Amino acid sequence: MKVLVFYTNSFSYTPKLKNLEDAPDPGEGKTYEDCILAFIQVEEQDEEKDVKSREKKLVNHLKWAARKNNTQRVILHSFAHISYSKASPEFTKEVFDAAQKRLENGGFETYQTPFGYFLDLKMDAPGYSLARIWAEL
């Protein structure tokens, strides 16, 4: 799994193009303030492990990044362009849903961008060291 995390003063998205046939209606676009925005690529080899081990690694990393940036808000965004290797959409969604549940149980306000859509993105990300973190989990 590859993860690129940004701390953002503001992040917004607007759904543009459906890229998974069975993706549910995305609703309207949204805007979030003071949040960790995680671009996440779940890879094929992640499927050799169980969902729980993958989401636990992801959540621990996101909690650390949130604490370093003094926020309790986390946005999960599937970004299948950080690696050539891709897990199935079903496994990826399971990891995202499990991570969201674990983060919320830990007191974090957590959201997912619409899964299965290309989105127009806008973000305001400050330029300091821990506002941008890349990890291979």
C-alpha atoms as a PDB file:
ATOM      1  CA  MET A   1       0.000   0.000   0.000  1.00  0.00           C
ATOM      2  CA  LYS A   2       1.225   3.449  -0.869  1.00  0.00           C
ATOM      3  CA  VAL A   3      -0.054   6.551   0.898  1.00  0.00           C
ATOM      4  CA  LEU A   4       0.536  10.213   0.150  1.00  0.00           C
ATOM      5  CA  VAL A   5      -0.782  12.415   2.957  1.00  0.00           C
ATOM      6  CA  PHE A   6      -1.343  16.158   2.808  1.00  0.00           C
ATOM      7  CA  TYR A   7      -2.420  18.386   5.651  1.00  0.00           C
ATOM      8  CA  THR A   8      -4.862  20.829   4.064  1.00  0.00           C
ATOM      9  CA  ASN A   9      -6.321  24.073   5.306  1.00  0.00           C
ATOM     10  CA  SER A  10      -9.138  23.394   2.854  1.00  0.00           C
ATOM     11  CA  PHE A  11     -10.006  20.518   0.512  1.00  0.00           C
ATOM     12  CA  SER A  12     -12.973  20.214  -1.826  1.00  0.00           C
ATOM     13  CA  TYR A  13     -14.072  17.862  -4.561  1.00  0.00           C
ATOM     14  CA  THR A  14     -16.723  17.673  -7.255  1.00  0.00           C
ATOM     15  CA  PRO A  15     -17.602  14.288  -8.839  1.00  0.00           C
ATOM     16  CA  LYS A  16     -16.948  14.359 -12.592  1.00  0.00           C
ATOM     17  CA  LEU A  17     -16.706  10.937 -14.235  1.00  0.00           C
ATOM     18  CA  LYS A  18     -17.837   7.499 -13.087  1.00  0.00           C
ATOM     19  CA  ASN A  19     -15.101   4.911 -13.616  1.00  0.00           C
ATOM     20  CA  LEU A  20     -16.600   1.879 -11.841  1.00  0.00           C
ATOM     21  CA  GLU A  21     -19.819   0.622 -13.353  1.00  0.00           C
ATOM     22  CA  ASP A  22     -21.441  -0.364 -10.050  1.00  0.00           C
ATOM     23  CA  ALA A  23     -20.378   2.738  -8.087  1.00  0.00           C
ATOM     24  CA  PRO A  24     -23.281   4.326  -6.196  1.00  0.00           C
ATOM     25  CA  ASP A  25     -24.463   7.869  -6.871  1.00  0.00           C
ATOM     26  CA  PRO A  26     -21.760  10.201  -5.512  1.00  0.00           C
ATOM     27  CA  GLY A  27     -24.060  13.011  -4.440  1.00  0.00           C
ATOM     28  CA  GLU A  28     -22.835  16.591  -4.502  1.00  0.00           C
ATOM     29  CA  GLY A  29     -19.304  17.792  -4.016  1.00  0.00           C
ATOM     30  CA  LYS A  30     -18.055  18.648  -0.542  1.00  0.00           C
ATOM     31  CA  THR A  31     -15.569  20.904   1.197  1.00  0.00           C
ATOM     32  CA  TYR A  32     -13.585  20.140   4.357  1.00  0.00           C
ATOM     33  CA  GLU A  33     -11.405  22.417   6.468  1.00  0.00           C
ATOM     34  CA  ASP A  34      -8.381  21.598   8.641  1.00  0.00           C
ATOM     35  CA  CYS A  35      -7.933  17.978   7.573  1.00  0.00           C
ATOM     36  CA  ILE A  36      -5.564  15.215   6.649  1.00  0.00           C
ATOM     37  CA  LEU A  37      -6.142  14.220   3.034  1.00  0.00           C
ATOM     38  CA  ALA A  38      -4.825  10.723   2.311  1.00  0.00           C
ATOM     39  CA  PHE A  39      -4.269   9.626  -1.294  1.00  0.00           C
ATOM     40  CA  ILE A  40      -4.245   5.832  -0.917  1.00  0.00           C
ATOM     41  CA  GLN A  41      -3.222   3.094  -3.368  1.00  0.00           C
ATOM     42  CA  VAL A  42      -4.040  -0.399  -2.116  1.00  0.00           C
ATOM     43  CA  GLU A  43      -1.842  -2.782  -4.088  1.00  0.00           C
ATOM     44  CA  GLU A  44      -2.312  -6.312  -5.382  1.00  0.00           C
ATOM     45  CA  GLN A  45       0.098  -7.808  -2.808  1.00  0.00           C
ATOM     46  CA  ASP A  46      -2.019  -6.287  -0.014  1.00  0.00           C
ATOM     47  CA  GLU A  47      -4.699  -8.834  -0.898  1.00  0.00           C
ATOM     48  CA  GLU A  48      -2.315 -11.601   0.250  1.00  0.00           C
ATOM     49  CA  LYS A  49      -2.867 -10.244   3.765  1.00  0.00           C
ATOM     50  CA  ASP A  50      -6.210  -9.746   5.443  1.00  0.00           C
ATOM     51  CA  VAL A  51      -8.195  -6.503   5.451  1.00  0.00           C
ATOM     52  CA  LYS A  52      -7.675  -6.043   9.195  1.00  0.00           C
ATOM     53  CA  SER A  53      -3.866  -6.016   8.967  1.00  0.00           C
ATOM     54  CA  ARG A  54      -3.925  -3.540   6.083  1.00  0.00           C
ATOM     55  CA  GLU A  55      -6.402  -1.130   7.664  1.00  0.00           C
ATOM     56  CA  LYS A  56      -4.560  -1.263  10.987  1.00  0.00           C
ATOM     57  CA  LYS A  57      -1.283  -0.188   9.317  1.00  0.00           C
ATOM     58  CA  LEU A  58      -3.100   2.545   7.404  1.00  0.00           C
ATOM     59  CA  VAL A  59      -4.967   3.845  10.449  1.00  0.00           C
ATOM     60  CA  ASN A  60      -1.850   3.957  12.615  1.00  0.00           C
ATOM     61  CA  HIS A  61      -0.087   6.025   9.948  1.00  0.00           C
ATOM     62  CA  LEU A  62      -3.052   8.400   9.525  1.00  0.00           C
ATOM     63  CA  LYS A  63      -3.462   8.891  13.281  1.00  0.00           C
ATOM     64  CA  TRP A  64       0.228   9.765  13.531  1.00  0.00           C
ATOM     65  CA  ALA A  65      -0.040  12.253  10.637  1.00  0.00           C
ATOM     66  CA  ALA A  66      -3.184  13.812  12.143  1.00  0.00           C
ATOM     67  CA  ARG A  67      -1.516  14.235  15.553  1.00  0.00           C
ATOM     68  CA  LYS A  68       1.557  15.827  13.941  1.00  0.00           C
ATOM     69  CA  ASN A  69      -0.747  18.331  12.210  1.00  0.00           C
ATOM     70  CA  ASN A  70      -3.041  18.888  15.201  1.00  0.00           C
ATOM     71  CA  THR A  71      -6.275  17.806  13.513  1.00  0.00           C
ATOM     72  CA  GLN A  72      -8.970  15.206  14.162  1.00  0.00           C
ATOM     73  CA  ARG A  73     -10.386  15.227  10.616  1.00  0.00           C
ATOM     74  CA  VAL A  74      -9.265  12.644   8.021  1.00  0.00           C
ATOM     75  CA  ILE A  75     -10.349  12.259   4.388  1.00  0.00           C
ATOM     76  CA  LEU A  76      -9.702   8.939   2.612  1.00  0.00           C
ATOM     77  CA  HIS A  77      -9.251   9.232  -1.158  1.00  0.00           C
ATOM     78  CA  SER A  78      -8.642   6.253  -3.433  1.00  0.00           C
ATOM     79  CA  PHE A  79      -5.856   7.245  -5.789  1.00  0.00           C
ATOM     80  CA  ALA A  80      -4.870   4.368  -8.068  1.00  0.00           C
ATOM     81  CA  HIS A  81      -1.950   6.243  -9.638  1.00  0.00           C
ATOM     82  CA  ILE A  82       0.818   5.982  -7.031  1.00  0.00           C
ATOM     83  CA  SER A  83       1.808   2.457  -8.097  1.00  0.00           C
ATOM     84  CA  TYR A  84       1.426   0.163 -11.083  1.00  0.00           C
ATOM     85  CA  SER A  85       0.014  -2.533  -8.800  1.00  0.00           C
ATOM     86  CA  LYS A  86      -3.678  -2.344  -7.944  1.00  0.00           C
ATOM     87  CA  ALA A  87      -5.815  -4.361  -5.566  1.00  0.00           C
ATOM     88  CA  SER A  88      -9.330  -5.205  -6.646  1.00  0.00           C
ATOM     89  CA  PRO A  89     -11.890  -2.447  -6.151  1.00  0.00           C
ATOM     90  CA  GLU A  90     -13.766  -4.702  -3.711  1.00  0.00           C
ATOM     91  CA  PHE A  91     -10.723  -5.281  -1.474  1.00  0.00           C
ATOM     92  CA  THR A  92      -9.767  -1.601  -1.640  1.00  0.00           C
ATOM     93  CA  LYS A  93     -13.254  -0.518  -0.578  1.00  0.00           C
ATOM     94  CA  GLU A  94     -13.206  -3.009   2.306  1.00  0.00           C
ATOM     95  CA  VAL A  95      -9.922  -1.539   3.542  1.00  0.00           C
ATOM     96  CA  PHE A  96     -11.319   1.997   3.277  1.00  0.00           C
ATOM     97  CA  ASP A  97     -14.539   1.137   5.119  1.00  0.00           C
ATOM     98  CA  ALA A  98     -12.655  -0.696   7.891  1.00  0.00           C
ATOM     99  CA  ALA A  99     -10.174   2.186   8.245  1.00  0.00           C
ATOM    100  CA  GLN A 100     -12.989   4.722   8.458  1.00  0.00           C
ATOM    101  CA  LYS A 101     -14.711   2.712  11.180  1.00  0.00           C
ATOM    102  CA  ARG A 102     -11.492   2.322  13.200  1.00  0.00           C
ATOM    103  CA  LEU A 103     -10.666   6.031  12.876  1.00  0.00           C
ATOM    104  CA  GLU A 104     -14.180   7.048  13.945  1.00  0.00           C
ATOM    105  CA  ASN A 105     -14.004   4.663  16.907  1.00  0.00           C
ATOM    106  CA  GLY A 106     -10.770   6.463  17.839  1.00  0.00           C
ATOM    107  CA  GLY A 107     -12.494   9.853  17.894  1.00  0.00           C
ATOM    108  CA  PHE A 108     -11.528  11.040  14.406  1.00  0.00           C
ATOM    109  CA  GLU A 109     -14.018  12.730  12.105  1.00  0.00           C
ATOM    110  CA  THR A 110     -13.526  10.623   8.964  1.00  0.00           C
ATOM    111  CA  TYR A 111     -14.895  10.811   5.422  1.00  0.00           C
ATOM    112  CA  GLN A 112     -14.316   9.121   2.080  1.00  0.00           C
ATOM    113  CA  THR A 113     -14.409  10.759  -1.304  1.00  0.00           C
ATOM    114  CA  PRO A 114     -16.820   9.006  -3.703  1.00  0.00           C
ATOM    115  CA  PHE A 115     -15.334   5.624  -4.591  1.00  0.00           C
ATOM    116  CA  GLY A 116     -15.399   4.767  -8.288  1.00  0.00           C
ATOM    117  CA  TYR A 117     -15.344   8.341  -9.622  1.00  0.00           C
ATOM    118  CA  PHE A 118     -12.833  10.750 -11.036  1.00  0.00           C
ATOM    119  CA  LEU A 119     -13.128  14.025  -9.152  1.00  0.00           C
ATOM    120  CA  ASP A 120     -12.215  17.645  -9.656  1.00  0.00           C
ATOM    121  CA  LEU A 121     -10.063  18.500  -6.633  1.00  0.00           C
ATOM    122  CA  LYS A 122      -9.144  21.781  -4.959  1.00  0.00           C
ATOM    123  CA  MET A 123      -6.796  21.987  -2.025  1.00  0.00           C
ATOM    124  CA  ASP A 124      -4.981  24.566   0.006  1.00  0.00           C
ATOM    125  CA  ALA A 125      -1.955  22.846   1.548  1.00  0.00           C
ATOM    126  CA  PRO A 126       0.590  24.786   3.603  1.00  0.00           C
ATOM    127  CA  GLY A 127       4.286  24.335   2.899  1.00  0.00           C
ATOM    128  CA  TYR A 128       5.919  22.852   5.951  1.00  0.00           C
ATOM    129  CA  SER A 129       7.660  19.533   6.499  1.00  0.00           C
ATOM    130  CA  LEU A 130       4.955  17.332   8.043  1.00  0.00           C
ATOM    131  CA  ALA A 131       2.190  18.779   5.868  1.00  0.00           C
ATOM    132  CA  ARG A 132       3.260  16.286   3.164  1.00  0.00           C
ATOM    133  CA  ILE A 133       4.134  12.707   4.029  1.00  0.00           C
ATOM    134  CA  TRP A 134       4.645   9.706   1.759  1.00  0.00           C
ATOM    135  CA  ALA A 135       4.696   6.138   3.064  1.00  0.00           C
ATOM    136  CA  GLU A 136       4.817   2.575   1.847  1.00  0.00           C
ATOM    137  CA  LEU A 137       2.886   0.447   4.322  1.00  0.00           C
END
